[in-house]
C-alpha atoms as a PDB file:
ATOM      1  CA  MET A   1      44.810-100.173-141.474  1.00  0.00           C
ATOM      2  CA  PHE A   2      44.192 -96.449-141.872  1.00  0.00           C
ATOM      3  CA  HIS A   3      45.001 -94.253-144.854  1.00  0.00           C
ATOM      4  CA  LEU A   4      45.381 -90.507-144.434  1.00  0.00           C
ATOM      5  CA  PHE A   5      44.463 -88.209-147.297  1.00  0.00           C
ATOM      6  CA  LEU A   6      44.667 -84.434-147.310  1.00  0.00           C
ATOM      7  CA  VAL A   7      42.157 -82.792-149.609  1.00  0.00           C
ATOM      8  CA  ILE A   8      41.932 -79.005-149.967  1.00  0.00           C
ATOM      9  CA  TYR A   9      38.622 -77.703-151.223  1.00  0.00           C
ATOM     10  CA  GLU A  10      37.986 -74.118-152.289  1.00  0.00           C
ATOM     11  CA  ASP A  11      34.908 -72.480-153.696  1.00  0.00           C
ATOM     12  CA  VAL A  12      33.560 -68.974-154.155  1.00  0.00           C
ATOM     13  CA  ILE A  13      30.264 -67.881-152.658  1.00  0.00           C
ATOM     14  CA  PRO A  14      28.314 -65.664-155.082  1.00  0.00           C
ATOM     15  CA  VAL A  15      28.509 -61.991-154.178  1.00  0.00           C
ATOM     16  CA  ASP A  16      24.714 -61.642-154.247  1.00  0.00           C
ATOM     17  CA  SER A  17      24.152 -64.430-151.716  1.00  0.00           C
ATOM     18  CA  PRO A  18      22.146 -63.520-148.599  1.00  0.00           C
ATOM     19  CA  PRO A  19      23.702 -63.903-145.147  1.00  0.00           C
ATOM     20  CA  SER A  20      22.927 -66.755-142.790  1.00  0.00           C
ATOM     21  CA  TYR A  21      19.599 -65.946-141.203  1.00  0.00           C
ATOM     22  CA  LYS A  22      16.873 -67.715-139.248  1.00  0.00           C
ATOM     23  CA  GLY A  23      13.786 -65.567-139.026  1.00  0.00           C
ATOM     24  CA  GLN A  24      10.128 -66.131-138.368  1.00  0.00           C
ATOM     25  CA  ALA A  25       9.179 -66.623-142.023  1.00  0.00           C
ATOM     26  CA  VAL A  26      12.515 -66.952-143.877  1.00  0.00           C
ATOM     27  CA  LYS A  27      15.648 -68.994-143.265  1.00  0.00           C
ATOM     28  CA  TYR A  28      18.970 -68.903-145.123  1.00  0.00           C
ATOM     29  CA  SER A  29      21.498 -71.592-144.166  1.00  0.00           C
ATOM     30  CA  TYR A  30      24.716 -72.873-145.708  1.00  0.00           C
ATOM     31  CA  LYS A  31      26.543 -76.173-145.459  1.00  0.00           C
ATOM     32  CA  VAL A  32      29.213 -78.171-147.254  1.00  0.00           C
ATOM     33  CA  THR A  33      28.398 -81.805-148.008  1.00  0.00           C
ATOM     34  CA  ILE A  34      31.402 -84.133-148.147  1.00  0.00           C
ATOM     35  CA  GLY A  35      31.068 -87.670-149.475  1.00  0.00           C
ATOM     36  CA  ALA A  36      33.507 -90.549-148.987  1.00  0.00           C
ATOM     37  CA  GLN A  37      33.252 -94.086-150.293  1.00  0.00           C
ATOM     38  CA  LYS A  38      35.290 -97.215-149.813  1.00  0.00           C
ATOM     39  CA  PHE A  39      35.446 -99.971-152.398  1.00  0.00           C
ATOM     40  CA  ASN A  40      32.297-102.109-152.242  1.00  0.00           C
ATOM     41  CA  GLN A  41      30.962 -99.933-149.422  1.00  0.00           C
ATOM     42  CA  PRO A  42      28.094 -97.399-149.364  1.00  0.00           C
ATOM     43  CA  THR A  43      28.860 -93.704-149.595  1.00  0.00           C
ATOM     44  CA  LYS A  44      29.109 -91.838-146.291  1.00  0.00           C
ATOM     45  CA  LEU A  45      28.176 -88.150-146.163  1.00  0.00           C
ATOM     46  CA  ILE A  46      29.247 -85.395-143.793  1.00  0.00           C
ATOM     47  CA  ARG A  47      27.382 -82.100-143.720  1.00  0.00           C
ATOM     48  CA  MET A  48      29.336 -79.188-142.265  1.00  0.00           C
ATOM     49  CA  PRO A  49      27.306 -76.012-141.649  1.00  0.00           C
ATOM     50  CA  PHE A  50      28.988 -72.619-141.799  1.00  0.00           C
ATOM     51  CA  ARG A  51      27.937 -69.033-141.318  1.00  0.00           C
ATOM     52  CA  VAL A  52      27.929 -66.384-144.046  1.00  0.00           C
ATOM     53  CA  MET A  53      28.115 -62.664-143.288  1.00  0.00           C
ATOM     54  CA  VAL A  54      27.598 -60.175-146.105  1.00  0.00           C
ATOM     55  CA  LEU A  55      28.979 -56.658-146.379  1.00  0.00           C
ATOM     56  CA  HIS A  56      27.317 -54.823-149.242  1.00  0.00           C
ATOM     57  CA  GLY A  57      29.376 -52.547-151.437  1.00  0.00           C
ATOM     58  CA  LEU A  58      32.340 -54.857-152.110  1.00  0.00           C
ATOM     59  CA  ASN A  59      31.256 -56.033-155.551  1.00  0.00           C
ATOM     60  CA  ASP A  60      33.933 -53.897-157.215  1.00  0.00           C
ATOM     61  CA  ILE A  61      36.994 -54.046-154.973  1.00  0.00           C
ATOM     62  CA  SER A  62      39.072 -52.098-157.496  1.00  0.00           C
ATOM     63  CA  VAL A  63      37.693 -48.938-155.900  1.00  0.00           C
ATOM     64  CA  TYR A  64      39.521 -49.825-152.678  1.00  0.00           C
ATOM     65  CA  THR A  65      42.675 -51.341-154.209  1.00  0.00           C
ATOM     66  CA  GLU A  66      43.645 -48.491-156.530  1.00  0.00           C
ATOM     67  CA  GLY A  67      46.474 -46.665-154.786  1.00  0.00           C
ATOM     68  CA  GLU A  68      47.913 -43.293-155.644  1.00  0.00           C
ATOM     69  CA  GLU A  69      51.694 -43.437-155.978  1.00  0.00           C
ATOM     70  CA  VAL A  70      53.046 -39.981-155.262  1.00  0.00           C
ATOM     71  CA  SER A  71      56.638 -40.906-154.358  1.00  0.00           C
ATOM     72  CA  PRO A  72      59.308 -40.805-157.102  1.00  0.00           C
ATOM     73  CA  SER A  73      59.937 -44.152-158.771  1.00  0.00           C
ATOM     74  CA  ASN A  74      63.332 -45.784-159.248  1.00  0.00           C
ATOM     75  CA  PRO A  75      63.679 -47.478-162.662  1.00  0.00           C
ATOM     76  CA  PHE A  76      66.348 -49.848-161.279  1.00  0.00           C
ATOM     77  CA  LEU A  77      64.124 -51.239-158.518  1.00  0.00           C
ATOM     78  CA  LYS A  78      61.201 -53.545-158.941  1.00  0.00           C
ATOM     79  CA  PRO A  79      58.065 -51.758-157.762  1.00  0.00           C
ATOM     80  CA  GLN A  80      56.437 -53.340-154.740  1.00  0.00           C
ATOM     81  CA  GLN A  81      52.682 -53.222-154.666  1.00  0.00           C
ATOM     82  CA  SER A  82      50.931 -53.805-151.396  1.00  0.00           C
ATOM     83  CA  GLU A  83      47.976 -56.085-152.010  1.00  0.00           C
ATOM     84  CA  ASN A  84      45.216 -56.020-149.468  1.00  0.00           C
ATOM     85  CA  SER A  85      43.064 -59.083-149.087  1.00  0.00           C
ATOM     86  CA  LEU A  86      39.308 -58.888-149.402  1.00  0.00           C
ATOM     87  CA  LEU A  87      39.020 -59.342-145.636  1.00  0.00           C
ATOM     88  CA  ASP A  88      41.371 -56.408-144.999  1.00  0.00           C
ATOM     89  CA  ILE A  89      39.344 -54.209-147.335  1.00  0.00           C
ATOM     90  CA  ALA A  90      36.091 -55.268-145.686  1.00  0.00           C
ATOM     91  CA  MET A  91      37.439 -54.449-142.222  1.00  0.00           C
ATOM     92  CA  GLN A  92      38.579 -51.025-143.447  1.00  0.00           C
ATOM     93  CA  VAL A  93      35.114 -50.311-144.833  1.00  0.00           C
ATOM     94  CA  LEU A  94      33.502 -51.486-141.583  1.00  0.00           C
ATOM     95  CA  SER A  95      35.767 -49.259-139.517  1.00  0.00           C
ATOM     96  CA  THR A  96      34.845 -46.276-141.687  1.00  0.00           C
ATOM     97  CA  VAL A  97      31.065 -46.697-141.714  1.00  0.00           C
ATOM     98  CA  THR A  98      30.831 -47.551-137.993  1.00  0.00           C
ATOM     99  CA  ALA A  99      33.238 -44.886-136.726  1.00  0.00           C
ATOM    100  CA  ARG A 100      31.943 -42.450-134.138  1.00  0.00           C
ATOM    101  CA  LYS A 101      30.964 -39.150-135.716  1.00  0.00           C
ATOM    102  CA  ALA A 102      28.996 -36.178-134.426  1.00  0.00           C
ATOM    103  CA  PRO A 103      26.461 -37.267-131.785  1.00  0.00           C
ATOM    104  CA  HIS A 104      22.778 -37.261-132.662  1.00  0.00           C
ATOM    105  CA  SER A 105      20.413 -35.440-130.296  1.00  0.00           C
ATOM    106  CA  TYR A 106      16.672 -36.130-130.090  1.00  0.00           C
ATOM    107  CA  ASN A 107      14.047 -34.170-128.158  1.00  0.00           C
ATOM    108  CA  ILE A 108      11.407 -36.550-126.819  1.00  0.00           C
ATOM    109  CA  THR A 109       8.072 -34.776-126.481  1.00  0.00           C
ATOM    110  CA  ASN A 110       4.373 -35.500-126.326  1.00  0.00           C
ATOM    111  CA  ALA A 111       1.264 -33.351-126.653  1.00  0.00           C
ATOM    112  CA  LYS A 112       1.758 -31.903-123.158  1.00  0.00           C
ATOM    113  CA  GLY A 113       5.414 -30.940-123.310  1.00  0.00           C
ATOM    114  CA  LYS A 114       8.990 -32.164-123.276  1.00  0.00           C
ATOM    115  CA  VAL A 115       9.911 -35.447-121.608  1.00  0.00           C
ATOM    116  CA  ALA A 116      13.667 -35.709-122.120  1.00  0.00           C
ATOM    117  CA  LYS A 117      16.579 -35.333-124.494  1.00  0.00           C
ATOM    118  CA  PHE A 118      18.301 -38.454-125.824  1.00  0.00           C
ATOM    119  CA  ILE A 119      21.844 -38.400-127.219  1.00  0.00           C
ATOM    120  CA  LEU A 120      23.136 -41.262-129.379  1.00  0.00           C
ATOM    121  CA  PHE A 121      26.823 -41.157-130.229  1.00  0.00           C
ATOM    122  CA  LYS A 122      26.463 -43.014-133.530  1.00  0.00           C
ATOM    123  CA  GLN A 123      23.827 -44.827-135.590  1.00  0.00           C
ATOM    124  CA  ALA A 124      25.918 -47.578-137.235  1.00  0.00           C
ATOM    125  CA  TYR A 125      27.337 -50.492-135.254  1.00  0.00           C
ATOM    126  CA  LYS A 126      29.136 -53.789-135.741  1.00  0.00           C
ATOM    127  CA  LEU A 127      28.022 -57.074-134.229  1.00  0.00           C
ATOM    128  CA  GLY A 128      29.314 -57.341-130.670  1.00  0.00           C
ATOM    129  CA  GLU A 129      29.460 -53.580-130.067  1.00  0.00           C
ATOM    130  CA  ASP A 130      27.592 -51.736-127.323  1.00  0.00           C
ATOM    131  CA  ILE A 131      24.932 -49.147-128.081  1.00  0.00           C
ATOM    132  CA  VAL A 132      25.604 -46.275-125.690  1.00  0.00           C
ATOM    133  CA  GLY A 133      23.166 -43.414-125.226  1.00  0.00           C
ATOM    134  CA  VAL A 134      22.487 -40.682-122.659  1.00  0.00           C
ATOM    135  CA  PHE A 135      19.154 -39.418-121.321  1.00  0.00           C
ATOM    136  CA  ASN A 136      18.871 -35.860-120.007  1.00  0.00           C
ATOM    137  CA  PHE A 137      15.716 -35.099-118.006  1.00  0.00           C
ATOM    138  CA  THR A 138      16.791 -31.716-116.595  1.00  0.00           C
ATOM    139  CA  ASP A 139      14.839 -29.653-119.137  1.00  0.00           C
ATOM    140  CA  GLY A 140      11.801 -31.922-119.162  1.00  0.00           C
ATOM    141  CA  THR A 141       8.410 -30.448-118.287  1.00  0.00           C
ATOM    142  CA  ILE A 142       6.631 -33.827-118.070  1.00  0.00           C
ATOM    143  CA  PRO A 143       7.691 -36.135-115.184  1.00  0.00           C
ATOM    144  CA  CYS A 144       9.026 -39.437-116.521  1.00  0.00           C
ATOM    145  CA  VAL A 145       8.525 -42.292-114.070  1.00  0.00           C
ATOM    146  CA  GLN A 146      10.088 -45.148-116.026  1.00  0.00           C
ATOM    147  CA  TYR A 147      11.600 -45.850-119.414  1.00  0.00           C
ATOM    148  CA  SER A 148      12.759 -48.907-121.332  1.00  0.00           C
ATOM    149  CA  VAL A 149      14.867 -49.371-124.466  1.00  0.00           C
ATOM    150  CA  THR A 150      14.727 -52.623-126.444  1.00  0.00           C
ATOM    151  CA  LEU A 151      16.941 -53.715-129.331  1.00  0.00           C
ATOM    152  CA  GLN A 152      14.617 -55.138-131.987  1.00  0.00           C
ATOM    153  CA  SER A 153      14.808 -56.489-135.527  1.00  0.00           C
ATOM    154  CA  GLU A 154      12.099 -56.036-138.153  1.00  0.00           C
ATOM    155  CA  GLU A 155      11.506 -58.777-140.714  1.00  0.00           C
ATOM    156  CA  GLN A 156       9.427 -57.561-143.644  1.00  0.00           C
ATOM    157  CA  ILE A 157       8.390 -59.981-146.380  1.00  0.00           C
ATOM    158  CA  SER A 158       7.868 -58.687-149.915  1.00  0.00           C
ATOM    159  CA  GLU A 159       4.234 -58.489-151.020  1.00  0.00           C
ATOM    160  CA  GLU A 160       4.514 -61.196-153.692  1.00  0.00           C
ATOM    161  CA  CYS A 161       5.973 -63.683-151.170  1.00  0.00           C
ATOM    162  CA  ARG A 162       3.529 -63.164-148.301  1.00  0.00           C
ATOM    163  CA  LYS A 163       1.255 -66.028-147.260  1.00  0.00           C
ATOM    164  CA  LYS A 164      -1.540 -63.609-146.423  1.00  0.00           C
ATOM    165  CA  PRO A 165      -2.236 -60.229-148.032  1.00  0.00           C
ATOM    166  CA  GLY A 166      -2.311 -58.502-144.659  1.00  0.00           C
ATOM    167  CA  GLN A 167       0.841 -60.107-143.254  1.00  0.00           C
ATOM    168  CA  GLY A 168       2.657 -57.461-141.270  1.00  0.00           C
ATOM    169  CA  THR A 169       6.212 -56.962-140.118  1.00  0.00           C
ATOM    170  CA  ALA A 170       7.589 -59.555-137.691  1.00  0.00           C
ATOM    171  CA  VAL A 171       9.398 -57.963-134.740  1.00  0.00           C
ATOM    172  CA  THR A 172      11.942 -59.840-132.602  1.00  0.00           C
ATOM    173  CA  SER A 173      13.313 -58.421-129.336  1.00  0.00           C
ATOM    174  CA  TYR A 174      16.875 -59.185-128.229  1.00  0.00           C
ATOM    175  CA  VAL A 175      18.151 -56.991-125.378  1.00  0.00           C
ATOM    176  CA  LYS A 176      16.104 -54.758-123.075  1.00  0.00           C
ATOM    177  CA  HIS A 177      17.205 -52.013-120.689  1.00  0.00           C
ATOM    178  CA  GLN A 178      14.670 -50.750-118.149  1.00  0.00           C
ATOM    179  CA  GLU A 179      15.089 -48.134-115.427  1.00  0.00           C
ATOM    180  CA  MET A 180      13.058 -46.088-112.960  1.00  0.00           C
ATOM    181  CA  CYS A 181      13.901 -42.435-113.578  1.00  0.00           C
ATOM    182  CA  LEU A 182      11.595 -40.264-111.475  1.00  0.00           C
ATOM    183  CA  HIS A 183      13.517 -37.133-110.333  1.00  0.00           C
ATOM    184  CA  THR A 184      16.577 -38.359-112.251  1.00  0.00           C
ATOM    185  CA  ALA A 185      18.664 -35.666-113.934  1.00  0.00           C
ATOM    186  CA  LYS A 186      20.817 -37.785-116.261  1.00  0.00           C
ATOM    187  CA  THR A 187      21.261 -41.475-116.939  1.00  0.00           C
ATOM    188  CA  HIS A 188      22.595 -43.681-119.726  1.00  0.00           C
ATOM    189  CA  ILE A 189      21.964 -46.961-121.523  1.00  0.00           C
ATOM    190  CA  ASN A 190      24.431 -49.635-122.598  1.00  0.00           C
ATOM    191  CA  ILE A 191      22.868 -52.262-124.859  1.00  0.00           C
ATOM    192  CA  PRO A 192      25.146 -55.007-126.264  1.00  0.00           C
ATOM    193  CA  ILE A 193      24.500 -56.274-129.784  1.00  0.00           C
ATOM    194  CA  PRO A 194      24.628 -60.103-129.843  1.00  0.00           C
ATOM    195  CA  LEU A 195      27.335 -61.630-132.016  1.00  0.00           C
ATOM    196  CA  THR A 196      24.829 -64.279-133.100  1.00  0.00           C
ATOM    197  CA  ALA A 197      22.466 -61.708-134.623  1.00  0.00           C
ATOM    198  CA  THR A 198      22.133 -61.109-138.364  1.00  0.00           C
ATOM    199  CA  PRO A 199      23.086 -57.653-139.698  1.00  0.00           C
ATOM    200  CA  CYS A 200      20.830 -55.560-141.910  1.00  0.00           C
ATOM    201  CA  PHE A 201      20.225 -57.006-145.374  1.00  0.00           C
ATOM    202  CA  ILE A 202      17.654 -57.015-148.157  1.00  0.00           C
ATOM    203  CA  THR A 203      16.762 -59.581-150.828  1.00  0.00           C
ATOM    204  CA  ASP A 204      13.892 -60.096-153.245  1.00  0.00           C
ATOM    205  CA  ILE A 205      12.072 -62.005-150.488  1.00  0.00           C
ATOM    206  CA  VAL A 206      12.829 -60.349-147.169  1.00  0.00           C
ATOM    207  CA  CYS A 207      14.183 -57.111-145.708  1.00  0.00           C
ATOM    208  CA  LEU A 208      15.780 -57.118-142.244  1.00  0.00           C
ATOM    209  CA  ARG A 209      16.098 -53.836-140.371  1.00  0.00           C
ATOM    210  CA  TRP A 210      17.074 -52.906-136.817  1.00  0.00           C
ATOM    211  CA  ARG A 211      15.707 -50.343-134.401  1.00  0.00           C
ATOM    212  CA  LEU A 212      15.693 -49.162-130.801  1.00  0.00           C
ATOM    213  CA  HIS A 213      12.201 -49.357-129.323  1.00  0.00           C
ATOM    214  CA  PHE A 214      11.579 -46.806-126.563  1.00  0.00           C
ATOM    215  CA  GLU A 215       8.740 -46.849-124.042  1.00  0.00           C
ATOM    216  CA  PHE A 216       8.211 -43.951-121.640  1.00  0.00           C
ATOM    217  CA  VAL A 217       5.842 -44.007-118.676  1.00  0.00           C
ATOM    218  CA  THR A 218       5.003 -40.387-117.847  1.00  0.00           C
ATOM    219  CA  SER A 219       2.895 -38.881-115.090  1.00  0.00           C
ATOM    220  CA  SER A 220      -0.254 -37.007-116.038  1.00  0.00           C
ATOM    221  CA  ASP A 221       0.056 -34.818-112.934  1.00  0.00           C
ATOM    222  CA  PRO A 222       3.062 -32.922-111.506  1.00  0.00           C
ATOM    223  CA  ILE A 223       4.995 -34.768-108.793  1.00  0.00           C
ATOM    224  CA  SER A 224       6.670 -32.611-106.180  1.00  0.00           C
ATOM    225  CA  GLU A 225      10.246 -33.285-105.157  1.00  0.00           C
ATOM    226  CA  SER A 226      11.480 -33.568-101.592  1.00  0.00           C
ATOM    227  CA  GLU A 227      12.795 -30.445 -99.911  1.00  0.00           C
ATOM    228  CA  ARG A 228      16.566 -30.457 -99.720  1.00  0.00           C
ATOM    229  CA  PRO A 229      18.052 -29.657 -96.292  1.00  0.00           C
ATOM    230  CA  THR A 230      19.967 -26.402 -95.986  1.00  0.00           C
ATOM    231  CA  ASN A 231      22.535 -28.016 -93.700  1.00  0.00           C
ATOM    232  CA  MET A 232      24.601 -30.817 -95.208  1.00  0.00           C
ATOM    233  CA  ASP A 233      24.571 -32.662 -91.873  1.00  0.00           C
ATOM    234  CA  ASP A 234      20.777 -32.893 -91.865  1.00  0.00           C
ATOM    235  CA  ALA A 235      18.845 -35.669 -93.574  1.00  0.00           C
ATOM    236  CA  ALA A 236      15.616 -35.544 -95.526  1.00  0.00           C
ATOM    237  CA  SER A 237      13.173 -38.224 -96.581  1.00  0.00           C
ATOM    238  CA  TRP A 238      10.653 -38.283 -99.399  1.00  0.00           C
ATOM    239  CA  ARG A 239       7.579 -40.458 -99.669  1.00  0.00           C
ATOM    240  CA  GLY A 240       6.188 -40.982-103.118  1.00  0.00           C
ATOM    241  CA  PRO A 241       2.477 -40.834-103.886  1.00  0.00           C
ATOM    242  CA  ALA A 242       0.460 -44.006-103.395  1.00  0.00           C
ATOM    243  CA  THR A 243      -1.060 -43.779-106.872  1.00  0.00           C
ATOM    244  CA  ILE A 244       0.032 -42.004-110.052  1.00  0.00           C
ATOM    245  CA  ASN A 245      -1.980 -41.328-113.173  1.00  0.00           C
ATOM    246  CA  VAL A 246       0.380 -42.371-115.953  1.00  0.00           C
ATOM    247  CA  GLU A 247       0.495 -42.412-119.720  1.00  0.00           C
ATOM    248  CA  THR A 248       2.677 -44.542-121.980  1.00  0.00           C
ATOM    249  CA  MET A 249       4.335 -43.294-125.137  1.00  0.00           C
ATOM    250  CA  VAL A 250       6.470 -45.275-127.597  1.00  0.00           C
ATOM    251  CA  TRP A 251       9.130 -44.282-130.092  1.00  0.00           C
ATOM    252  CA  ASP A 252      11.167 -46.283-132.625  1.00  0.00           C
ATOM    253  CA  LEU A 253      14.641 -45.147-133.682  1.00  0.00           C
ATOM    254  CA  PRO A 254      16.143 -46.932-136.732  1.00  0.00           C
ATOM    255  CA  ILE A 255      19.809 -47.973-136.518  1.00  0.00           C
ATOM    256  CA  LYS A 256      22.239 -49.787-138.814  1.00  0.00           C
ATOM    257  CA  ILE A 257      23.972 -53.017-137.803  1.00  0.00           C
ATOM    258  CA  TYR A 258      26.862 -54.363-139.891  1.00  0.00           C
ATOM    259  CA  PRO A 259      28.914 -57.586-139.747  1.00  0.00           C
ATOM    260  CA  THR A 260      32.075 -57.948-137.716  1.00  0.00           C
ATOM    261  CA  SER A 261      35.342 -59.834-138.077  1.00  0.00           C
ATOM    262  CA  PRO A 262      34.743 -63.543-138.870  1.00  0.00           C
ATOM    263  CA  ILE A 263      37.245 -64.485-136.168  1.00  0.00           C
ATOM    264  CA  HIS A 264      35.309 -62.425-133.635  1.00  0.00           C
ATOM    265  CA  ALA A 265      31.961 -63.859-134.726  1.00  0.00           C
ATOM    266  CA  SER A 266      33.212 -67.466-134.632  1.00  0.00           C
ATOM    267  CA  CYS A 267      33.951 -67.177-130.893  1.00  0.00           C
ATOM    268  CA  VAL A 268      30.284 -67.690-130.051  1.00  0.00           C
ATOM    269  CA  THR A 269      29.150 -69.857-132.949  1.00  0.00           C
ATOM    270  CA  MET A 270      27.185 -72.998-132.167  1.00  0.00           C
ATOM    271  CA  LEU A 271      28.139 -74.632-135.450  1.00  0.00           C
ATOM    272  CA  LYS A 272      30.466 -77.610-135.292  1.00  0.00           C
ATOM    273  CA  SER A 273      33.839 -77.057-136.930  1.00  0.00           C
ATOM    274  CA  GLY A 274      34.890 -80.696-137.229  1.00  0.00           C
ATOM    275  CA  SER A 275      33.405 -84.106-137.850  1.00  0.00           C
ATOM    276  CA  CYS A 276      34.491 -87.699-138.319  1.00  0.00           C
ATOM    277  CA  VAL A 277      33.015 -90.566-140.312  1.00  0.00           C
ATOM    278  CA  GLN A 278      34.089 -94.196-140.478  1.00  0.00           C
ATOM    279  CA  ILE A 279      33.872 -95.985-143.808  1.00  0.00           C
END
């Protein structure tokens, strides 16, 4: 004989709680433990893990809920106040801070001259978005043979919590874009941000930041281009040099990554959403 009971449980996660995170030196995880016991039977426990995403700046939601009533009021009608939920307010804040603004332009140079110009359309992203950027090599004076862009996270432990005094920053790579670009005028990158990643956050123990790691392979010597035919019906071929003297230069560009909608993030979660126990 089975008995069905419906129990609704609610609790509030402290506003200063860190997000769910599994790093190289620090791990934050959350779960709900449910216990059930039958008469004269041992207690059975169910542990349900869940993911926490934190958006800083929502400690005082009155800043976002105070509305300015400019329309004339009717004393015979009951005023209707539109109440936005905390999730609605969070999504509005996310849309504002991650909106596309003026593009950022960067001149990539070394000691010998200019390599390229890189244009990034914004520096703040939500989980699941694509990082889109454009390379322009037309004004470069140094031939660029190959480049790569890697999405990386930086995990920095506070000094008082480090195992060793000289413990450095732990870097984790997620997505990499690599392309040969010799004699290329313009090209672009499209790097997706994984929904399973953890956005930027900082606690008393750890600080998590994000960056784009660039690597450029440049030629030490000029490389001549093929001669273009004067007649469009003619064809031309170009044979590259057998060996090239190259140099490698690196560059790190910090970016901001914020949470996304919980419904969107739950589409790829590996956490179980249901469980059953027999008592």
